[in-house]
């Protein structure tokens, strides 16, 4: 494939041949020879556009690609739509082309479920298509957007399959420029599910240097750079911030939330939880529509927030976040965080129960393999005092298969000792951030203070109930809080309800 076929057709004035070339390979030229394409559209006679209305849309796409935000003129969409609807048997590629601008607008607005309905219709059109004219050139872009919609509504496995299908179409005739971006989207899906080794393999040999605005490559570059950042943070094999510095994401972009997620993963290793928590809190307040609890983005960011709170021993707030009304359970990390919450609260049986829906044939959880298997192992150790060898081997196998060593921040020293000879890389540099709350043995008087605390709101009320002075009450409370490891009445009562 080269530029001479198209340039030659224009030079010879064979505009029917120009139309034929663009029908087959418009996106190829948009990627590889955008300046030539601009010259073609500028030189084309008006009657050519009238005879071949599809090129009106192609010209609008080429013009939109040069803008920072790839939006197509509404008048062009109306004109193209009228033409498509006037056809007795519209081409599938044209029906798909009509859908894409609306889907893009819904994504930008955070209306993911509405976009998902359009995606389902697009996938039905593709599956039932008899006419596949132009599919190798057109279909990858459609499938990349469909996969992204599926990802954002929490159907990560289906998104991965759709991205893989985009890659297949991008390589069916030759290595189309779409192939790079299909690989990068697929790598992102793997990285988001913490399959870092698989993601890294897809990124090998690919340049993830950013493109300047004004090209179609600019509009598809983000998932590859973000996949790299996720891999570096989750596998602790490089500086994720360096990768993120290559790209500037605006709050209106589809992927605006991913750097926040990267920072949350990195914070557990670097000890910067407070900064990451502030960043998540700001996003949840300022982006209420796009982080509503039912969405994947809302579930991921809330799970990250709860995980960071758990790492700092703030289990009461983590409990509240994980029990947000309507919180989606499609993000497997949420289920693991809920299981971890039970383990940290001193309820290992509850942790195992939460994980039981995602088990291997050996009874070991598969959800987020490294995280889930570590929580399972720690719950087993808390319940019985030891960890079965098969569980240790499963954890080691998951770490080796995925490269997700950052999740070892929740592995106890005992589990680490067992894992050390089995994992393929040193894990000594990964700090321990999670530990179950101790079950303090309270004296009879301390229990009386705790019971009185539940029914009395003020120091004078407590003093009257306990028949002591207000200063003595304050001394009792300081001692009780110190023993429980809390700093407030609310935390003491919450802890008592769940661990005593």
Protein backbone atom coordinates (compact mmCIF):
# COMPACT_ATOMS: atom_id res chain seq x y z
CA UNK A 1 0.00 0.00 0.00
CA UNK A 2 1.46 3.39 -0.98
CA UNK A 3 0.50 6.92 -1.86
CA UNK A 4 1.06 6.57 -5.61
CA UNK A 5 -2.20 4.79 -6.35
CA UNK A 6 -4.25 7.65 -4.94
CA UNK A 7 -1.97 10.41 -6.24
CA UNK A 8 -1.91 8.82 -9.69
CA UNK A 9 -5.69 8.63 -9.86
CA UNK A 10 -5.96 12.33 -8.96
CA UNK A 11 -3.28 13.31 -11.51
CA UNK A 12 -5.04 11.40 -14.26
CA UNK A 13 -8.39 12.90 -13.31
CA UNK A 14 -9.89 9.47 -12.70
CA UNK A 15 -12.18 10.49 -9.83
CA UNK A 16 -14.10 7.21 -9.90
CA UNK A 17 -10.79 5.47 -9.16
CA UNK A 18 -10.17 8.00 -6.35
CA UNK A 19 -13.54 7.05 -4.88
CA UNK A 20 -12.68 3.36 -5.20
CA UNK A 21 -9.33 3.83 -3.44
CA UNK A 22 -10.88 5.81 -0.58
CA UNK A 23 -13.70 3.28 -0.18
CA UNK A 24 -11.06 0.64 0.45
CA UNK A 25 -8.37 2.56 2.32
CA UNK A 26 -9.53 5.97 3.56
CA UNK A 27 -8.24 5.45 7.11
CA UNK A 28 -4.93 4.08 5.85
CA UNK A 29 -4.33 7.35 3.98
CA UNK A 30 -5.59 9.39 6.93
CA UNK A 31 -2.91 7.76 9.09
CA UNK A 32 -0.05 7.61 6.61
CA UNK A 33 -0.64 10.44 4.12
CA UNK A 34 -2.98 13.03 5.67
CA UNK A 35 -1.54 15.90 3.62
CA UNK A 36 -2.20 14.03 0.37
CA UNK A 37 -5.75 13.33 1.53
CA UNK A 38 -6.27 17.02 2.24
CA UNK A 39 -5.06 17.87 -1.26
CA UNK A 40 -7.44 15.29 -2.75
CA UNK A 41 -10.48 16.68 -0.96
CA UNK A 42 -9.53 20.23 -1.89
CA UNK A 43 -9.10 19.35 -5.59
CA UNK A 44 -12.20 17.14 -5.93
CA UNK A 45 -14.96 18.63 -8.11
CA UNK A 46 -18.33 19.36 -6.50
CA UNK A 47 -20.14 16.86 -8.70
CA UNK A 48 -17.84 14.09 -7.38
CA UNK A 49 -19.13 14.66 -3.85
CA UNK A 50 -22.68 14.60 -5.19
CA UNK A 51 -22.10 11.28 -6.93
CA UNK A 52 -20.20 9.79 -3.97
CA UNK A 53 -21.72 11.26 -0.76
CA UNK A 54 -19.65 8.94 1.45
CA UNK A 55 -16.68 11.18 0.67
CA UNK A 56 -18.46 14.13 2.27
CA UNK A 57 -18.27 12.22 5.54
CA UNK A 58 -14.68 11.14 4.88
CA UNK A 59 -13.66 14.75 4.31
CA UNK A 60 -15.38 15.78 7.56
CA UNK A 61 -13.53 13.03 9.48
CA UNK A 62 -10.20 14.18 8.02
CA UNK A 63 -10.97 17.77 9.04
CA UNK A 64 -12.04 16.70 12.54
CA UNK A 65 -8.82 14.73 13.02
CA UNK A 66 -6.90 17.99 12.76
CA UNK A 67 -8.76 19.49 15.71
CA UNK A 68 -7.87 18.93 19.41
CA UNK A 69 -11.32 17.38 19.91
CA UNK A 70 -12.48 15.13 17.08
CA UNK A 71 -16.03 16.40 16.55
CA UNK A 72 -17.77 16.24 13.17
CA UNK A 73 -19.88 19.10 11.89
CA UNK A 74 -23.58 18.55 12.60
CA UNK A 75 -24.68 19.68 9.14
CA UNK A 76 -22.42 17.07 7.55
CA UNK A 77 -23.82 14.39 9.82
CA UNK A 78 -27.36 15.37 8.82
CA UNK A 79 -26.50 15.35 5.11
CA UNK A 80 -24.73 11.98 5.37
CA UNK A 81 -27.57 10.52 7.44
CA UNK A 82 -30.17 11.62 4.92
CA UNK A 83 -28.20 9.91 2.16
CA UNK A 84 -27.74 6.67 4.13
CA UNK A 85 -31.40 6.51 5.07
CA UNK A 86 -32.40 7.08 1.44
CA UNK A 87 -30.67 3.86 0.40
CA UNK A 88 -32.86 0.80 -0.05
CA UNK A 89 -30.10 -1.38 1.42
CA UNK A 90 -27.63 0.87 3.24
CA UNK A 91 -24.09 -0.48 3.55
CA UNK A 92 -23.29 -1.70 7.07
CA UNK A 93 -20.20 0.49 7.17
CA UNK A 94 -22.39 3.56 6.56
CA UNK A 95 -24.86 2.59 9.28
CA UNK A 96 -21.93 2.15 11.65
CA UNK A 97 -20.52 5.50 10.55
CA UNK A 98 -23.79 7.17 11.50
CA UNK A 99 -23.58 5.76 15.03
CA UNK A 100 -20.00 6.68 15.87
CA UNK A 101 -20.32 10.46 16.43
CA UNK A 102 -23.25 9.92 18.80
CA UNK A 103 -21.37 7.24 20.69
CA UNK A 104 -18.33 9.53 20.98
CA UNK A 105 -20.51 12.36 22.36
CA UNK A 106 -22.12 10.05 24.93
CA UNK A 107 -18.70 8.87 26.09
CA UNK A 108 -17.50 12.45 26.52
CA UNK A 109 -20.60 13.22 28.61
CA UNK A 110 -20.10 10.14 30.81
CA UNK A 111 -23.43 8.63 29.67
CA UNK A 112 -21.92 5.18 29.40
CA UNK A 113 -25.09 3.11 29.60
CA UNK A 114 -26.70 4.96 26.73
CA UNK A 115 -23.50 4.48 24.75
CA UNK A 116 -23.64 0.77 25.64
CA UNK A 117 -27.07 0.44 24.02
CA UNK A 118 -25.64 1.93 20.80
CA UNK A 119 -22.65 -0.41 21.10
CA UNK A 120 -24.90 -3.46 21.31
CA UNK A 121 -26.70 -2.34 18.17
CA UNK A 122 -23.38 -1.80 16.37
CA UNK A 123 -22.17 -5.26 17.36
CA UNK A 124 -25.43 -6.79 16.11
CA UNK A 125 -24.96 -5.01 12.76
CA UNK A 126 -21.41 -6.32 12.48
CA UNK A 127 -22.33 -9.89 13.43
CA UNK A 128 -25.19 -10.03 10.91
CA UNK A 129 -23.37 -8.25 8.06
CA UNK A 130 -23.36 -9.90 4.65
CA UNK A 131 -21.78 -6.86 3.01
CA UNK A 132 -18.26 -6.44 4.46
CA UNK A 133 -17.04 -3.89 1.96
CA UNK A 134 -14.31 -1.73 3.51
CA UNK A 135 -14.35 -3.59 6.83
CA UNK A 136 -10.54 -4.01 7.18
CA UNK A 137 -10.13 -0.24 6.92
CA UNK A 138 -13.22 0.93 8.81
CA UNK A 139 -14.10 -1.72 11.34
CA UNK A 140 -11.09 -1.39 13.69
CA UNK A 141 -12.10 2.18 14.61
CA UNK A 142 -15.68 1.08 15.28
CA UNK A 143 -14.56 -1.88 17.38
CA UNK A 144 -12.09 0.19 19.41
CA UNK A 145 -14.89 2.53 20.42
CA UNK A 146 -17.28 -0.36 21.11
CA UNK A 147 -14.64 -2.03 23.29
CA UNK A 148 -14.07 1.20 25.21
CA UNK A 149 -17.80 1.55 25.92
CA UNK A 150 -17.95 -2.05 27.16
CA UNK A 151 -14.94 -1.40 29.38
CA UNK A 152 -16.52 1.70 30.89
CA UNK A 153 -19.73 -0.13 31.81
CA UNK A 154 -17.67 -2.81 33.56
CA UNK A 155 -17.72 -5.57 30.94
CA UNK A 156 -13.95 -5.87 30.89
CA UNK A 157 -13.77 -9.39 29.45
CA UNK A 158 -16.03 -8.44 26.54
CA UNK A 159 -14.02 -5.26 25.99
CA UNK A 160 -10.85 -7.34 25.78
CA UNK A 161 -12.46 -9.66 23.21
CA UNK A 162 -13.65 -6.69 21.12
CA UNK A 163 -10.20 -5.09 21.15
CA UNK A 164 -8.74 -8.42 20.02
CA UNK A 165 -11.27 -8.51 17.19
CA UNK A 166 -10.21 -5.00 16.17
CA UNK A 167 -6.63 -6.25 15.96
CA UNK A 168 -7.72 -9.18 13.79
CA UNK A 169 -9.45 -6.90 11.30
CA UNK A 170 -6.46 -4.53 11.30
CA UNK A 171 -4.18 -7.34 10.13
CA UNK A 172 -6.49 -9.25 7.78
CA UNK A 173 -4.99 -7.80 4.55
CA UNK A 174 -1.76 -6.21 5.74
CA UNK A 175 -0.47 -4.45 8.88
CA UNK A 176 -2.87 -1.52 8.86
CA UNK A 177 -1.93 1.49 11.05
CA UNK A 178 -4.98 0.60 13.15
CA UNK A 179 -3.07 -2.51 14.35
CA UNK A 180 -0.81 -0.48 16.61
CA UNK A 181 -3.73 1.17 18.37
CA UNK A 182 -5.66 -2.09 18.62
CA UNK A 183 -2.64 -3.64 20.36
CA UNK A 184 -2.37 -0.67 22.70
CA UNK A 185 -6.09 -0.79 23.60
CA UNK A 186 -5.77 -4.53 24.19
CA UNK A 187 -2.70 -3.91 26.35
CA UNK A 188 -4.69 -1.36 28.35
CA UNK A 189 -7.48 -3.87 28.99
CA UNK A 190 -4.91 -6.42 30.19
CA UNK A 191 -3.15 -3.84 32.37
CA UNK A 192 -6.42 -2.68 33.93
CA UNK A 193 -7.17 -6.29 34.93
CA UNK A 194 -3.61 -6.47 36.33
CA UNK A 195 -2.34 -8.88 33.68
CA UNK A 196 0.86 -6.86 33.41
CA UNK A 197 3.01 -9.43 31.64
CA UNK A 198 0.47 -9.86 28.84
CA UNK A 199 0.17 -6.08 28.52
CA UNK A 200 3.93 -5.65 28.38
CA UNK A 201 4.23 -8.25 25.59
CA UNK A 202 1.77 -6.27 23.46
CA UNK A 203 3.66 -3.04 24.09
CA UNK A 204 7.10 -4.46 23.24
CA UNK A 205 8.57 -2.79 20.20
CA UNK A 206 5.86 -0.13 20.10
CA UNK A 207 6.79 3.51 20.49
CA UNK A 208 4.50 5.18 22.98
CA UNK A 209 5.91 8.65 22.42
CA UNK A 210 3.05 11.17 22.26
CA UNK A 211 1.80 12.65 18.99
CA UNK A 212 1.06 16.31 18.54
CA UNK A 213 -2.52 17.47 17.93
CA UNK A 214 -3.58 17.67 14.32
CA UNK A 215 -3.31 13.98 13.38
CA UNK A 216 -5.60 11.02 13.84
CA UNK A 217 -2.83 9.28 15.80
CA UNK A 218 -3.19 11.97 18.48
CA UNK A 219 -6.79 10.90 19.15
CA UNK A 220 -5.92 7.23 19.71
CA UNK A 221 -2.62 7.45 21.58
CA UNK A 222 -3.79 7.61 25.20
CA UNK A 223 -4.54 3.92 25.98
CA UNK A 224 -1.01 2.81 25.01
CA UNK A 225 0.72 5.35 27.25
CA UNK A 226 -1.71 4.65 30.09
CA UNK A 227 -1.22 0.90 29.68
CA UNK A 228 2.51 1.45 30.11
CA UNK A 229 1.94 3.55 33.24
CA UNK A 230 -0.29 0.85 34.73
CA UNK A 231 2.32 -1.81 33.97
CA UNK A 232 5.13 0.21 35.54
CA UNK A 233 3.11 0.96 38.69
CA UNK A 234 1.60 -2.48 39.14
CA UNK A 235 4.75 -4.47 38.40
CA UNK A 236 7.10 -1.93 39.99
CA UNK A 237 9.46 -2.15 37.03
CA UNK A 238 9.83 1.55 36.30
CA UNK A 239 8.60 5.06 36.96
CA UNK A 240 4.92 5.37 36.11
CA UNK A 241 5.10 9.16 36.49
CA UNK A 242 7.56 9.35 33.60
CA UNK A 243 5.05 7.54 31.38
CA UNK A 244 2.20 9.77 32.53
CA UNK A 245 4.27 12.88 31.88
CA UNK A 246 4.21 12.03 28.17
CA UNK A 247 0.53 12.74 27.92
CA UNK A 248 -1.77 15.54 29.02
CA UNK A 249 -5.32 14.32 29.67
CA UNK A 250 -8.11 16.85 29.92
CA UNK A 251 -11.02 16.25 32.27
CA UNK A 252 -13.29 15.90 29.26
CA UNK A 253 -11.36 12.94 27.84
CA UNK A 254 -12.50 9.34 28.04
CA UNK A 255 -9.40 8.28 29.97
CA UNK A 256 -9.13 11.17 32.47
CA UNK A 257 -9.52 8.83 35.47
CA UNK A 258 -6.69 6.41 34.67
CA UNK A 259 -3.79 8.51 36.06
CA UNK A 260 -5.71 8.75 39.34
CA UNK A 261 -5.95 4.95 39.42
CA UNK A 262 -2.23 4.66 38.60
CA UNK A 263 -1.38 7.01 41.47
CA UNK A 264 -3.49 4.91 43.87
CA UNK A 265 -1.62 1.72 42.92
CA UNK A 266 1.75 3.47 43.20
CA UNK A 267 0.86 5.11 46.52
CA UNK A 268 0.66 1.80 48.37
CA UNK A 269 4.30 1.11 47.54
CA UNK A 270 5.61 4.65 47.89
CA UNK A 271 3.66 5.50 51.05
CA UNK A 272 1.87 8.48 49.48
CA UNK A 273 -1.64 7.36 50.38
CA UNK A 274 -2.83 10.72 51.68
CA UNK A 275 -2.03 12.52 48.42
CA UNK A 276 -3.73 9.78 46.40
CA UNK A 277 -6.78 9.89 48.66
CA UNK A 278 -7.10 13.64 48.21
CA UNK A 279 -6.90 13.22 44.44
CA UNK A 280 -9.64 10.59 44.44
CA UNK A 281 -11.82 12.62 46.79
CA UNK A 282 -11.55 15.64 44.50
CA UNK A 283 -12.53 13.53 41.47
CA UNK A 284 -15.56 12.05 43.24
CA UNK A 285 -16.79 15.50 44.20
CA UNK A 286 -16.15 17.33 40.93
CA UNK A 287 -17.04 14.49 38.53
CA UNK A 288 -20.24 13.17 40.12
CA UNK A 289 -21.86 12.15 36.83
CA UNK A 290 -18.87 10.28 35.47
CA UNK A 291 -18.06 8.64 38.81
CA UNK A 292 -21.57 7.61 39.83
CA UNK A 293 -21.40 4.37 41.84
CA UNK A 294 -22.90 2.13 39.12
CA UNK A 295 -20.16 3.01 36.63
CA UNK A 296 -16.85 1.21 36.31
CA UNK A 297 -14.96 4.46 36.87
CA UNK A 298 -16.96 5.11 40.05
CA UNK A 299 -16.33 1.57 41.29
CA UNK A 300 -12.59 1.67 40.55
CA UNK A 301 -11.99 5.04 42.22
CA UNK A 302 -14.08 4.16 45.28
CA UNK A 303 -12.32 0.82 45.60
CA UNK A 304 -8.97 2.60 45.34
CA UNK A 305 -10.06 5.04 48.05
CA UNK A 306 -11.21 2.25 50.37
CA UNK A 307 -8.00 0.29 49.76
CA UNK A 308 -5.88 3.30 50.66
CA UNK A 309 -7.97 3.86 53.80
CA UNK A 310 -7.55 0.19 54.73
CA UNK A 311 -3.79 0.51 54.33
CA UNK A 312 -3.83 3.32 56.90
CA UNK A 313 -6.02 1.44 59.35
CA UNK A 314 -9.07 3.66 58.77
CA UNK A 315 -11.47 0.75 58.45
CA UNK A 316 -14.57 2.68 59.45
CA UNK A 317 -14.30 5.04 56.47
CA UNK A 318 -13.30 2.18 54.18
CA UNK A 319 -16.43 0.32 55.29
CA UNK A 320 -18.57 3.33 54.46
CA UNK A 321 -17.01 3.72 50.98
CA UNK A 322 -17.39 0.00 50.15
CA UNK A 323 -21.04 0.16 51.18
CA UNK A 324 -21.88 3.16 48.99
CA UNK A 325 -25.48 2.64 47.78
CA UNK A 326 -25.55 1.31 44.23
CA UNK A 327 -21.83 0.56 44.10
CA UNK A 328 -21.20 -1.68 41.10
CA UNK A 329 -19.86 -5.17 41.75
CA UNK A 330 -18.68 -5.62 38.16
CA UNK A 331 -15.19 -4.41 39.12
CA UNK A 332 -13.65 -7.50 40.68
CA UNK A 333 -11.32 -5.36 42.76
CA UNK A 334 -14.35 -4.17 44.73
CA UNK A 335 -15.14 -7.71 45.83
CA UNK A 336 -11.53 -8.26 46.83
CA UNK A 337 -11.56 -5.01 48.83
CA UNK A 338 -14.71 -6.15 50.64
CA UNK A 339 -13.04 -9.48 51.44
CA UNK A 340 -9.95 -7.63 52.65
CA UNK A 341 -12.16 -5.49 54.87
CA UNK A 342 -13.50 -8.62 56.58
CA UNK A 343 -9.99 -9.99 57.08
CA UNK A 344 -8.71 -6.69 58.50
CA UNK A 345 -11.71 -6.50 60.86
CA UNK A 346 -10.79 -9.90 62.28
CA UNK A 347 -13.39 -11.94 60.39
CA UNK A 348 -11.38 -14.32 58.15
CA UNK A 349 -14.40 -16.58 57.56
CA UNK A 350 -16.26 -13.56 56.19
CA UNK A 351 -13.36 -12.82 53.85
CA UNK A 352 -13.45 -16.33 52.43
CA UNK A 353 -17.23 -16.13 52.02
CA UNK A 354 -16.96 -12.92 49.97
CA UNK A 355 -14.41 -14.58 47.68
CA UNK A 356 -16.21 -17.88 47.25
CA UNK A 357 -18.05 -16.81 44.10
CA UNK A 358 -14.73 -16.50 42.25
CA UNK A 359 -12.90 -19.77 42.85
CA UNK A 360 -10.70 -22.18 40.98
CA UNK A 361 -11.38 -25.89 41.13
CA UNK A 362 -9.05 -25.96 44.13
CA UNK A 363 -11.22 -23.45 45.98
CA UNK A 364 -8.78 -20.56 45.54
CA UNK A 365 -10.21 -17.22 44.34
CA UNK A 366 -9.51 -16.20 40.77
CA UNK A 367 -10.88 -12.66 40.91
CA UNK A 368 -7.89 -10.30 40.49
CA UNK A 369 -5.71 -13.36 40.96
CA UNK A 370 -2.85 -11.84 42.96
CA UNK A 371 -5.01 -9.71 45.26
CA UNK A 372 -7.72 -12.29 45.73
CA UNK A 373 -5.32 -15.14 46.41
CA UNK A 374 -3.30 -13.08 48.91
CA UNK A 375 -6.42 -12.09 50.85
CA UNK A 376 -7.52 -15.73 50.75
CA UNK A 377 -4.11 -16.84 52.06
CA UNK A 378 -4.11 -14.25 54.84
CA UNK A 379 -7.66 -15.15 55.85
CA UNK A 380 -6.67 -18.81 56.00
CA UNK A 381 -3.63 -17.95 58.11
CA UNK A 382 -5.72 -15.81 60.46
CA UNK A 383 -8.26 -18.60 60.90
CA UNK A 384 -5.92 -21.59 61.28
CA UNK A 385 -2.50 -20.13 62.08
CA UNK A 386 -0.88 -21.44 58.88
CA UNK A 387 -1.27 -21.36 55.08
CA UNK A 388 -1.66 -24.49 52.96
CA UNK A 389 1.20 -25.08 50.49
CA UNK A 390 -1.21 -25.18 47.56
CA UNK A 391 -2.39 -21.66 48.37
CA UNK A 392 1.19 -20.39 48.59
CA UNK A 393 1.97 -21.97 45.22
CA UNK A 394 -1.16 -20.42 43.70
CA UNK A 395 -0.17 -16.95 44.95
CA UNK A 396 3.37 -17.40 43.59
CA UNK A 397 2.01 -18.64 40.27
CA UNK A 398 -0.32 -15.63 40.02
CA UNK A 399 2.51 -13.20 40.78
CA UNK A 400 4.78 -14.84 38.21
CA UNK A 401 2.05 -14.98 35.56
CA UNK A 402 0.85 -11.39 35.94
CA UNK A 403 3.83 -9.51 37.35
CA UNK A 404 1.53 -7.72 39.82
CA UNK A 405 4.10 -7.44 42.60
CA UNK A 406 2.70 -4.13 43.88
CA UNK A 407 -0.20 -6.08 45.38
CA UNK A 408 2.22 -7.82 47.75
CA UNK A 409 1.84 -4.80 50.02
CA UNK A 410 -0.92 -6.84 51.69
CA UNK A 411 1.16 -10.01 52.19
CA UNK A 412 2.28 -10.67 55.76
CA UNK A 413 5.94 -11.44 56.61
CA UNK A 414 5.03 -15.11 57.03
CA UNK A 415 3.47 -15.33 53.57
CA UNK A 416 6.38 -13.44 52.04
CA UNK A 417 8.86 -15.88 53.53
CA UNK A 418 6.94 -18.73 51.93
CA UNK A 419 6.71 -16.90 48.58
CA UNK A 420 10.32 -15.72 48.36
CA UNK A 421 11.81 -18.90 46.83
CA UNK A 422 8.86 -19.33 44.44
CA UNK A 423 8.53 -15.94 42.77
CA UNK A 424 10.67 -14.93 39.80
CA UNK A 425 11.86 -11.57 41.13
CA UNK A 426 12.87 -10.14 44.53
CA UNK A 427 9.98 -8.82 46.61
CA UNK A 428 11.94 -7.43 49.54
CA UNK A 429 11.46 -3.85 48.34
CA UNK A 430 7.68 -4.02 48.56
CA UNK A 431 6.54 -2.62 51.95
CA UNK A 432 3.78 -4.13 54.07
CA UNK A 433 0.80 -1.79 54.28
CA UNK A 434 -2.03 -3.96 55.64
CA UNK A 435 -2.47 -5.66 59.00
CA UNK A 436 -5.62 -6.93 60.77
CA UNK A 437 -6.82 -4.90 63.70
CA UNK A 438 -5.76 -6.46 66.99
CA UNK A 439 -8.45 -7.88 69.24
CA UNK A 440 -7.60 -6.15 72.52
CA UNK A 441 -8.56 -7.81 75.81
CA UNK A 442 -10.52 -5.16 77.66
CA UNK A 443 -10.81 -5.01 81.42
CA UNK A 444 -14.23 -5.04 83.03
CA UNK A 445 -14.01 -1.29 83.65
CA UNK A 446 -12.97 -0.63 80.03
CA UNK A 447 -15.99 -2.59 78.83
CA UNK A 448 -18.22 -0.53 81.12
CA UNK A 449 -16.77 2.67 79.60
CA UNK A 450 -17.34 1.33 76.09
CA UNK A 451 -20.94 0.37 76.86
CA UNK A 452 -21.57 3.78 78.42
CA UNK A 453 -20.05 5.44 75.36
CA UNK A 454 -22.71 3.82 73.19
CA UNK A 455 -25.57 5.43 75.10
CA UNK A 456 -24.16 8.81 76.11
CA UNK A 457 -23.05 11.60 73.83
CA UNK A 458 -21.26 14.02 76.17
CA UNK A 459 -18.58 13.90 78.84
CA UNK A 460 -21.00 15.06 81.62
CA UNK A 461 -23.49 12.33 80.64
CA UNK A 462 -20.75 9.71 80.74
CA UNK A 463 -19.58 11.01 84.12
CA UNK A 464 -23.08 10.65 85.59
CA UNK A 465 -23.53 7.15 84.12
CA UNK A 466 -20.16 5.93 85.38
CA UNK A 467 -20.40 7.84 88.71
CA UNK A 468 -17.03 9.53 88.24
CA UNK A 469 -15.77 13.03 87.53
CA UNK A 470 -15.52 14.45 83.99
CA UNK A 471 -11.72 14.44 84.26
CA UNK A 472 -11.75 10.75 85.16
CA UNK A 473 -13.98 10.06 82.17
CA UNK A 474 -11.46 11.79 79.93
CA UNK A 475 -8.67 9.65 81.36
CA UNK A 476 -10.71 6.48 80.82
CA UNK A 477 -11.44 7.46 77.22
CA UNK A 478 -7.80 8.25 76.43
CA UNK A 479 -6.74 4.86 77.76
CA UNK A 480 -9.54 3.06 75.90
CA UNK A 481 -8.81 4.78 72.60
CA UNK A 482 -5.10 4.03 72.98
CA UNK A 483 -5.78 0.35 73.58
CA UNK A 484 -8.19 0.12 70.65
CA UNK A 485 -5.88 2.09 68.36
CA UNK A 486 -8.55 4.69 67.50
CA UNK A 487 -8.93 8.44 67.89
CA UNK A 488 -12.65 9.10 68.27
CA UNK A 489 -15.87 7.89 69.86
CA UNK A 490 -17.26 6.93 66.44
CA UNK A 491 -14.22 4.82 65.61
CA UNK A 492 -14.30 3.09 69.01
CA UNK A 493 -17.97 2.16 68.70
CA UNK A 494 -17.61 1.08 65.06
CA UNK A 495 -14.65 -1.13 65.98
CA UNK A 496 -16.48 -2.63 68.94
CA UNK A 497 -19.47 -3.59 66.80
CA UNK A 498 -17.31 -5.42 64.27
CA UNK A 499 -14.43 -6.98 66.19
CA UNK A 500 -15.66 -7.68 69.73
